[in-house]
């Protein structure tokens, strides 16, 4: 009984997988992005940018040469 159930489930899964590549396959719309996380993402991006600016090596300052 267990093996026949697994076989049916496997055939169904493979059939759905193969048919999903068809041009007329059903398309699910994208979920709207959650707006409440936008300020958190912006704050995290700003903090990471400031950290990257602090860690980035500065170019060497060469002393003026006498000519």
N, C-alpha and C. Protein backbone atom coordinates (compact mmCIF):
# COMPACT_ATOMS: atom_id res chain seq x y z
N UNK A 1 0.83 -1.19 0.00
CA UNK A 1 0.00 0.00 0.00
C UNK A 1 0.87 1.24 0.00
N UNK A 2 1.94 1.27 0.80
CA UNK A 2 2.78 2.46 0.87
C UNK A 2 3.49 2.70 -0.45
N UNK A 3 3.96 1.66 -1.09
CA UNK A 3 4.70 1.84 -2.33
C UNK A 3 3.81 2.32 -3.46
N UNK A 4 2.59 1.84 -3.53
CA UNK A 4 1.69 2.29 -4.59
C UNK A 4 1.32 3.76 -4.39
N UNK A 5 1.17 4.19 -3.15
CA UNK A 5 0.88 5.60 -2.87
C UNK A 5 2.06 6.47 -3.26
N UNK A 6 3.26 6.04 -2.95
CA UNK A 6 4.45 6.80 -3.32
C UNK A 6 4.60 6.87 -4.83
N UNK A 7 4.27 5.78 -5.52
CA UNK A 7 4.36 5.77 -6.98
C UNK A 7 3.39 6.78 -7.58
N UNK A 8 2.18 6.81 -7.09
CA UNK A 8 1.17 7.75 -7.61
C UNK A 8 1.61 9.19 -7.34
N UNK A 9 2.12 9.45 -6.15
CA UNK A 9 2.58 10.80 -5.84
C UNK A 9 3.77 11.20 -6.70
N UNK A 10 4.69 10.27 -6.94
CA UNK A 10 5.85 10.57 -7.77
C UNK A 10 5.46 10.85 -9.21
N UNK A 11 4.56 10.06 -9.76
CA UNK A 11 4.11 10.28 -11.14
C UNK A 11 3.41 11.63 -11.25
N UNK A 12 2.59 11.96 -10.27
CA UNK A 12 1.89 13.25 -10.28
C UNK A 12 2.88 14.41 -10.20
N UNK A 13 3.89 14.30 -9.35
CA UNK A 13 4.88 15.36 -9.21
C UNK A 13 5.69 15.54 -10.49
N UNK A 14 6.09 14.44 -11.11
CA UNK A 14 6.86 14.53 -12.35
C UNK A 14 6.00 15.11 -13.46
N UNK A 15 4.76 14.74 -13.54
CA UNK A 15 3.87 15.27 -14.57
C UNK A 15 3.69 16.77 -14.40
N UNK A 16 3.48 17.23 -13.16
CA UNK A 16 3.34 18.67 -12.93
C UNK A 16 4.63 19.41 -13.27
N UNK A 17 5.77 18.80 -12.94
CA UNK A 17 7.05 19.44 -13.22
C UNK A 17 7.28 19.56 -14.73
N UNK A 18 7.01 18.50 -15.47
CA UNK A 18 7.23 18.52 -16.91
C UNK A 18 6.25 19.48 -17.58
N UNK A 19 5.02 19.49 -17.17
CA UNK A 19 4.03 20.38 -17.79
C UNK A 19 4.24 21.84 -17.41
N UNK A 20 5.01 22.14 -16.38
CA UNK A 20 5.21 23.53 -16.00
C UNK A 20 6.10 24.27 -16.98
N UNK A 21 6.83 23.55 -17.83
CA UNK A 21 7.71 24.18 -18.80
C UNK A 21 7.00 24.49 -20.11
N UNK A 22 5.75 24.18 -20.21
CA UNK A 22 5.01 24.42 -21.44
C UNK A 22 4.71 25.91 -21.59
N UNK A 23 4.62 26.39 -22.83
CA UNK A 23 4.34 27.82 -23.04
C UNK A 23 2.98 28.25 -22.51
N UNK A 24 2.03 27.35 -22.47
CA UNK A 24 0.69 27.71 -22.00
C UNK A 24 0.47 27.32 -20.54
N UNK A 25 1.56 27.16 -19.80
CA UNK A 25 1.45 26.79 -18.39
C UNK A 25 0.81 27.93 -17.60
N UNK A 26 0.04 27.62 -16.57
CA UNK A 26 -0.57 28.69 -15.78
C UNK A 26 0.49 29.50 -15.05
N UNK A 27 0.25 30.79 -14.95
CA UNK A 27 1.20 31.70 -14.31
C UNK A 27 0.54 32.29 -13.08
N UNK A 28 1.26 32.23 -11.97
CA UNK A 28 0.75 32.83 -10.75
C UNK A 28 1.31 34.24 -10.64
N UNK A 29 0.48 35.20 -10.31
CA UNK A 29 0.99 36.57 -10.20
C UNK A 29 1.95 36.72 -9.02
N UNK A 30 2.89 37.66 -9.16
CA UNK A 30 3.83 37.93 -8.09
C UNK A 30 3.10 38.51 -6.88
N UNK A 31 3.61 38.14 -5.71
CA UNK A 31 3.03 38.71 -4.49
C UNK A 31 3.51 40.15 -4.36
N UNK A 32 2.65 41.04 -3.90
CA UNK A 32 3.11 42.41 -3.69
C UNK A 32 4.13 42.46 -2.56
N UNK A 33 5.13 43.31 -2.72
CA UNK A 33 6.15 43.43 -1.68
C UNK A 33 5.56 44.13 -0.48
N UNK A 34 6.02 43.72 0.67
CA UNK A 34 5.49 44.30 1.89
C UNK A 34 6.13 45.67 2.12
N UNK A 35 5.31 46.69 2.23
CA UNK A 35 5.78 48.06 2.42
C UNK A 35 6.34 48.31 3.82
N UNK A 36 5.87 47.64 4.88
CA UNK A 36 6.40 47.94 6.21
C UNK A 36 7.90 47.67 6.36
N UNK A 37 8.48 46.81 5.53
CA UNK A 37 9.90 46.51 5.66
C UNK A 37 10.78 47.50 4.90
N UNK A 38 10.20 48.36 4.08
CA UNK A 38 10.99 49.28 3.27
C UNK A 38 11.88 50.19 4.13
N UNK A 39 11.38 50.83 5.19
CA UNK A 39 12.28 51.67 6.00
C UNK A 39 13.42 50.88 6.65
N UNK A 40 13.14 49.67 7.06
CA UNK A 40 14.17 48.83 7.67
C UNK A 40 15.25 48.49 6.65
N UNK A 41 14.82 48.17 5.43
CA UNK A 41 15.80 47.86 4.38
C UNK A 41 16.65 49.07 4.05
N UNK A 42 16.04 50.25 3.98
CA UNK A 42 16.80 51.46 3.69
C UNK A 42 17.80 51.77 4.80
N UNK A 43 17.39 51.60 6.05
CA UNK A 43 18.29 51.85 7.17
C UNK A 43 19.46 50.87 7.16
N UNK A 44 19.18 49.60 6.89
CA UNK A 44 20.24 48.60 6.83
C UNK A 44 21.19 48.89 5.68
N UNK A 45 20.66 49.29 4.54
CA UNK A 45 21.52 49.62 3.39
C UNK A 45 22.41 50.82 3.71
N UNK A 46 21.86 51.83 4.37
CA UNK A 46 22.65 52.99 4.74
C UNK A 46 23.75 52.65 5.72
N UNK A 47 23.43 51.81 6.70
CA UNK A 47 24.42 51.41 7.69
C UNK A 47 25.54 50.60 7.04
N UNK A 48 25.18 49.70 6.14
CA UNK A 48 26.20 48.90 5.45
C UNK A 48 27.07 49.77 4.55
N UNK A 49 26.46 50.80 3.92
CA UNK A 49 27.24 51.69 3.07
C UNK A 49 28.25 52.50 3.89
N UNK A 50 27.81 52.99 5.06
CA UNK A 50 28.73 53.73 5.93
C UNK A 50 29.85 52.82 6.43
N UNK A 51 29.54 51.59 6.77
CA UNK A 51 30.55 50.65 7.21
C UNK A 51 31.55 50.36 6.08
N UNK A 52 31.05 50.21 4.86
CA UNK A 52 31.94 49.96 3.73
C UNK A 52 32.84 51.16 3.48
N UNK A 53 32.31 52.38 3.66
CA UNK A 53 33.14 53.57 3.48
C UNK A 53 34.25 53.63 4.53
N UNK A 54 33.94 53.21 5.76
CA UNK A 54 34.95 53.21 6.81
C UNK A 54 36.05 52.17 6.55
N UNK A 55 35.67 51.03 6.02
CA UNK A 55 36.62 49.94 5.82
C UNK A 55 37.40 50.06 4.52
N UNK A 56 36.91 50.85 3.58
CA UNK A 56 37.57 50.95 2.28
C UNK A 56 38.91 51.65 2.43
N UNK A 57 39.97 51.08 1.86
CA UNK A 57 41.28 51.73 2.00
C UNK A 57 41.32 53.04 1.20
N UNK A 58 41.98 54.02 1.79
CA UNK A 58 42.13 55.31 1.13
C UNK A 58 43.39 55.28 0.26
N UNK A 59 43.40 56.05 -0.83
CA UNK A 59 44.62 56.10 -1.62
C UNK A 59 45.73 56.79 -0.84
N UNK A 60 46.94 56.37 -1.06
CA UNK A 60 48.08 56.94 -0.35
C UNK A 60 48.28 58.39 -0.78
N UNK A 61 48.58 59.24 0.19
CA UNK A 61 48.86 60.65 -0.09
C UNK A 61 50.37 60.78 -0.23
N UNK A 62 50.79 61.17 -1.41
CA UNK A 62 52.22 61.30 -1.67
C UNK A 62 52.67 62.72 -1.32
N UNK A 63 53.82 62.85 -0.69
CA UNK A 63 54.32 64.20 -0.38
C UNK A 63 54.73 64.92 -1.66
N UNK A 64 54.60 66.22 -1.67
CA UNK A 64 54.99 66.93 -2.88
C UNK A 64 56.48 66.76 -3.17
N UNK A 65 56.79 66.66 -4.43
CA UNK A 65 58.18 66.47 -4.83
C UNK A 65 58.83 67.81 -5.15
N UNK A 66 60.09 67.92 -4.88
CA UNK A 66 60.82 69.14 -5.19
C UNK A 66 61.35 69.04 -6.61
N UNK A 67 61.06 70.02 -7.41
CA UNK A 67 61.54 69.97 -8.79
C UNK A 67 62.53 71.06 -9.05
